[in-house]
């Protein structure tokens, strides 16, 4: 999982990316290709 200050650029890398808020943190998850996981931090 990558930890980035800004996730906007990572969102565009794959069509299936979803942005999710969990416990005050922002995550990008991708069911079909899990290597695109990221967290804002």
PDB file of N, CA and C in Angstrom:
ATOM      1  N   UNK A   1       0.841  -1.181   0.000  1.00  0.00           N
ATOM      2  CA  UNK A   1       0.000   0.000   0.000  1.00  0.00           C
ATOM      3  C   UNK A   1       0.883   1.241   0.000  1.00  0.00           C
ATOM      4  N   UNK A   2       0.571   2.166  -0.885  1.00  0.00           N
ATOM      5  CA  UNK A   2       1.305   3.426  -0.929  1.00  0.00           C
ATOM      6  C   UNK A   2       0.659   4.416   0.034  1.00  0.00           C
ATOM      7  N   UNK A   3       1.481   5.275   0.627  1.00  0.00           N
ATOM      8  CA  UNK A   3       0.980   6.348   1.480  1.00  0.00           C
ATOM      9  C   UNK A   3       1.395   7.665   0.844  1.00  0.00           C
ATOM     10  N   UNK A   4       0.398   8.451   0.466  1.00  0.00           N
ATOM     11  CA  UNK A   4       0.653   9.683  -0.286  1.00  0.00           C
ATOM     12  C   UNK A   4      -0.045  10.860   0.385  1.00  0.00           C
ATOM     13  N   UNK A   5       0.465  12.068   0.110  1.00  0.00           N
ATOM     14  CA  UNK A   5      -0.196  13.269   0.614  1.00  0.00           C
ATOM     15  C   UNK A   5      -1.459  13.571  -0.171  1.00  0.00           C
ATOM     16  N   UNK A   6      -1.427  13.294  -1.468  1.00  0.00           N
ATOM     17  CA  UNK A   6      -2.584  13.583  -2.313  1.00  0.00           C
ATOM     18  C   UNK A   6      -2.883  12.362  -3.166  1.00  0.00           C
ATOM     19  N   UNK A   7      -4.159  11.965  -3.190  1.00  0.00           N
ATOM     20  CA  UNK A   7      -4.533  10.741  -3.899  1.00  0.00           C
ATOM     21  C   UNK A   7      -5.149  11.014  -5.257  1.00  0.00           C
ATOM     22  N   UNK A   8      -5.283  12.282  -5.622  1.00  0.00           N
ATOM     23  CA  UNK A   8      -6.011  12.611  -6.847  1.00  0.00           C
ATOM     24  C   UNK A   8      -5.340  11.990  -8.076  1.00  0.00           C
ATOM     25  N   UNK A   9      -4.015  12.056  -8.139  1.00  0.00           N
ATOM     26  CA  UNK A   9      -3.298  11.509  -9.288  1.00  0.00           C
ATOM     27  C   UNK A   9      -3.407   9.984  -9.329  1.00  0.00           C
ATOM     28  N   UNK A  10      -3.432   9.354  -8.161  1.00  0.00           N
ATOM     29  CA  UNK A  10      -3.495   7.892  -8.134  1.00  0.00           C
ATOM     30  C   UNK A  10      -4.869   7.381  -8.564  1.00  0.00           C
ATOM     31  N   UNK A  11      -5.894   8.192  -8.391  1.00  0.00           N
ATOM     32  CA  UNK A  11      -7.247   7.763  -8.766  1.00  0.00           C
ATOM     33  C   UNK A  11      -7.350   7.482 -10.263  1.00  0.00           C
ATOM     34  N   UNK A  12      -6.621   8.247 -11.064  1.00  0.00           N
ATOM     35  CA  UNK A  12      -6.777   8.158 -12.519  1.00  0.00           C
ATOM     36  C   UNK A  12      -5.989   7.008 -13.119  1.00  0.00           C
ATOM     37  N   UNK A  13      -5.253   6.267 -12.327  1.00  0.00           N
ATOM     38  CA  UNK A  13      -4.386   5.238 -12.887  1.00  0.00           C
ATOM     39  C   UNK A  13      -5.139   3.996 -13.353  1.00  0.00           C
ATOM     40  N   UNK A  14      -6.344   3.785 -12.816  1.00  0.00           N
ATOM     41  CA  UNK A  14      -7.097   2.596 -13.189  1.00  0.00           C
ATOM     42  C   UNK A  14      -8.579   2.912 -13.113  1.00  0.00           C
ATOM     43  N   UNK A  15      -9.341   2.314 -14.010  1.00  0.00           N
ATOM     44  CA  UNK A  15     -10.770   2.621 -14.103  1.00  0.00           C
ATOM     45  C   UNK A  15     -11.550   2.145 -12.883  1.00  0.00           C
ATOM     46  N   UNK A  16     -11.076   1.078 -12.226  1.00  0.00           N
ATOM     47  CA  UNK A  16     -11.830   0.464 -11.129  1.00  0.00           C
ATOM     48  C   UNK A  16     -11.519   1.077  -9.765  1.00  0.00           C
ATOM     49  N   UNK A  17     -10.651   2.072  -9.716  1.00  0.00           N
ATOM     50  CA  UNK A  17     -10.291   2.646  -8.416  1.00  0.00           C
ATOM     51  C   UNK A  17     -11.490   3.313  -7.759  1.00  0.00           C
ATOM     52  N   UNK A  18     -11.609   3.121  -6.445  1.00  0.00           N
ATOM     53  CA  UNK A  18     -12.667   3.751  -5.677  1.00  0.00           C
ATOM     54  C   UNK A  18     -12.031   4.488  -4.509  1.00  0.00           C
ATOM     55  N   UNK A  19     -12.552   5.674  -4.196  1.00  0.00           N
ATOM     56  CA  UNK A  19     -12.063   6.415  -3.047  1.00  0.00           C
ATOM     57  C   UNK A  19     -13.017   6.193  -1.880  1.00  0.00           C
ATOM     58  N   UNK A  20     -12.481   5.803  -0.730  1.00  0.00           N
ATOM     59  CA  UNK A  20     -13.281   5.403   0.424  1.00  0.00           C
ATOM     60  C   UNK A  20     -12.744   6.120   1.659  1.00  0.00           C
ATOM     61  N   UNK A  21     -13.656   6.588   2.515  1.00  0.00           N
ATOM     62  CA  UNK A  21     -13.259   7.151   3.808  1.00  0.00           C
ATOM     63  C   UNK A  21     -13.522   6.124   4.892  1.00  0.00           C
ATOM     64  N   UNK A  22     -12.487   5.800   5.663  1.00  0.00           N
ATOM     65  CA  UNK A  22     -12.649   4.877   6.790  1.00  0.00           C
ATOM     66  C   UNK A  22     -11.900   5.439   7.987  1.00  0.00           C
ATOM     67  N   UNK A  23     -12.617   5.632   9.084  1.00  0.00           N
ATOM     68  CA  UNK A  23     -12.008   6.104  10.337  1.00  0.00           C
ATOM     69  C   UNK A  23     -11.208   7.381  10.124  1.00  0.00           C
ATOM     70  N   UNK A  24     -11.750   8.290   9.320  1.00  0.00           N
ATOM     71  CA  UNK A  24     -11.098   9.577   9.110  1.00  0.00           C
ATOM     72  C   UNK A  24      -9.950   9.562   8.135  1.00  0.00           C
ATOM     73  N   UNK A  25      -9.625   8.418   7.575  1.00  0.00           N
ATOM     74  CA  UNK A  25      -8.567   8.334   6.584  1.00  0.00           C
ATOM     75  C   UNK A  25      -9.175   8.084   5.214  1.00  0.00           C
ATOM     76  N   UNK A  26      -8.459   8.525   4.182  1.00  0.00           N
ATOM     77  CA  UNK A  26      -8.948   8.368   2.818  1.00  0.00           C
ATOM     78  C   UNK A  26      -8.128   7.272   2.155  1.00  0.00           C
ATOM     79  N   UNK A  27      -8.824   6.297   1.578  1.00  0.00           N
ATOM     80  CA  UNK A  27      -8.168   5.161   0.939  1.00  0.00           C
ATOM     81  C   UNK A  27      -8.598   5.072  -0.516  1.00  0.00           C
ATOM     82  N   UNK A  28      -7.704   4.504  -1.333  1.00  0.00           N
ATOM     83  CA  UNK A  28      -8.089   4.075  -2.673  1.00  0.00           C
ATOM     84  C   UNK A  28      -8.030   2.556  -2.673  1.00  0.00           C
ATOM     85  N   UNK A  29      -9.126   1.940  -3.104  1.00  0.00           N
ATOM     86  CA  UNK A  29      -9.161   0.482  -3.173  1.00  0.00           C
ATOM     87  C   UNK A  29      -9.532   0.073  -4.588  1.00  0.00           C
ATOM     88  N   UNK A  30      -9.073  -1.107  -4.954  1.00  0.00           N
ATOM     89  CA  UNK A  30      -9.330  -1.617  -6.288  1.00  0.00           C
ATOM     90  C   UNK A  30      -9.499  -3.128  -6.174  1.00  0.00           C
ATOM     91  N   UNK A  31     -10.745  -3.582  -6.336  1.00  0.00           N
ATOM     92  CA  UNK A  31     -11.024  -5.015  -6.156  1.00  0.00           C
ATOM     93  C   UNK A  31     -10.344  -5.860  -7.226  1.00  0.00           C
ATOM     94  N   UNK A  32     -10.334  -5.369  -8.459  1.00  0.00           N
ATOM     95  CA  UNK A  32      -9.813  -6.185  -9.551  1.00  0.00           C
ATOM     96  C   UNK A  32      -8.293  -6.213  -9.582  1.00  0.00           C
ATOM     97  N   UNK A  33      -7.649  -5.122  -9.152  1.00  0.00           N
ATOM     98  CA  UNK A  33      -6.194  -5.048  -9.212  1.00  0.00           C
ATOM     99  C   UNK A  33      -5.680  -4.431  -7.909  1.00  0.00           C
ATOM    100  N   UNK A  34      -5.490  -5.246  -6.864  1.00  0.00           N
ATOM    101  CA  UNK A  34      -5.201  -4.712  -5.532  1.00  0.00           C
ATOM    102  C   UNK A  34      -3.872  -3.976  -5.422  1.00  0.00           C
ATOM    103  N   UNK A  35      -3.042  -3.990  -6.448  1.00  0.00           N
ATOM    104  CA  UNK A  35      -1.780  -3.283  -6.323  1.00  0.00           C
ATOM    105  C   UNK A  35      -1.950  -1.773  -6.366  1.00  0.00           C
ATOM    106  N   UNK A  36      -3.148  -1.274  -6.653  1.00  0.00           N
ATOM    107  CA  UNK A  36      -3.399   0.147  -6.671  1.00  0.00           C
ATOM    108  C   UNK A  36      -3.891   0.682  -5.323  1.00  0.00           C
ATOM    109  N   UNK A  37      -3.763  -0.108  -4.260  1.00  0.00           N
ATOM    110  CA  UNK A  37      -4.208   0.377  -2.956  1.00  0.00           C
ATOM    111  C   UNK A  37      -3.339   1.542  -2.492  1.00  0.00           C
ATOM    112  N   UNK A  38      -3.972   2.539  -1.851  1.00  0.00           N
ATOM    113  CA  UNK A  38      -3.231   3.676  -1.332  1.00  0.00           C
ATOM    114  C   UNK A  38      -3.982   4.272  -0.155  1.00  0.00           C
ATOM    115  N   UNK A  39      -3.227   4.996   0.672  1.00  0.00           N
ATOM    116  CA  UNK A  39      -3.807   5.680   1.825  1.00  0.00           C
ATOM    117  C   UNK A  39      -3.253   7.085   1.865  1.00  0.00           C
ATOM    118  N   UNK A  40      -4.124   8.037   2.247  1.00  0.00           N
ATOM    119  CA  UNK A  40      -3.646   9.407   2.391  1.00  0.00           C
ATOM    120  C   UNK A  40      -3.112   9.599   3.790  1.00  0.00           C
ATOM    121  N   UNK A  41      -1.910  10.222   3.907  1.00  0.00           N
ATOM    122  CA  UNK A  41      -1.355  10.360   5.226  1.00  0.00           C
ATOM    123  C   UNK A  41      -0.305  11.364   5.369  1.00  0.00           C
TER     124      UNK A  41
END
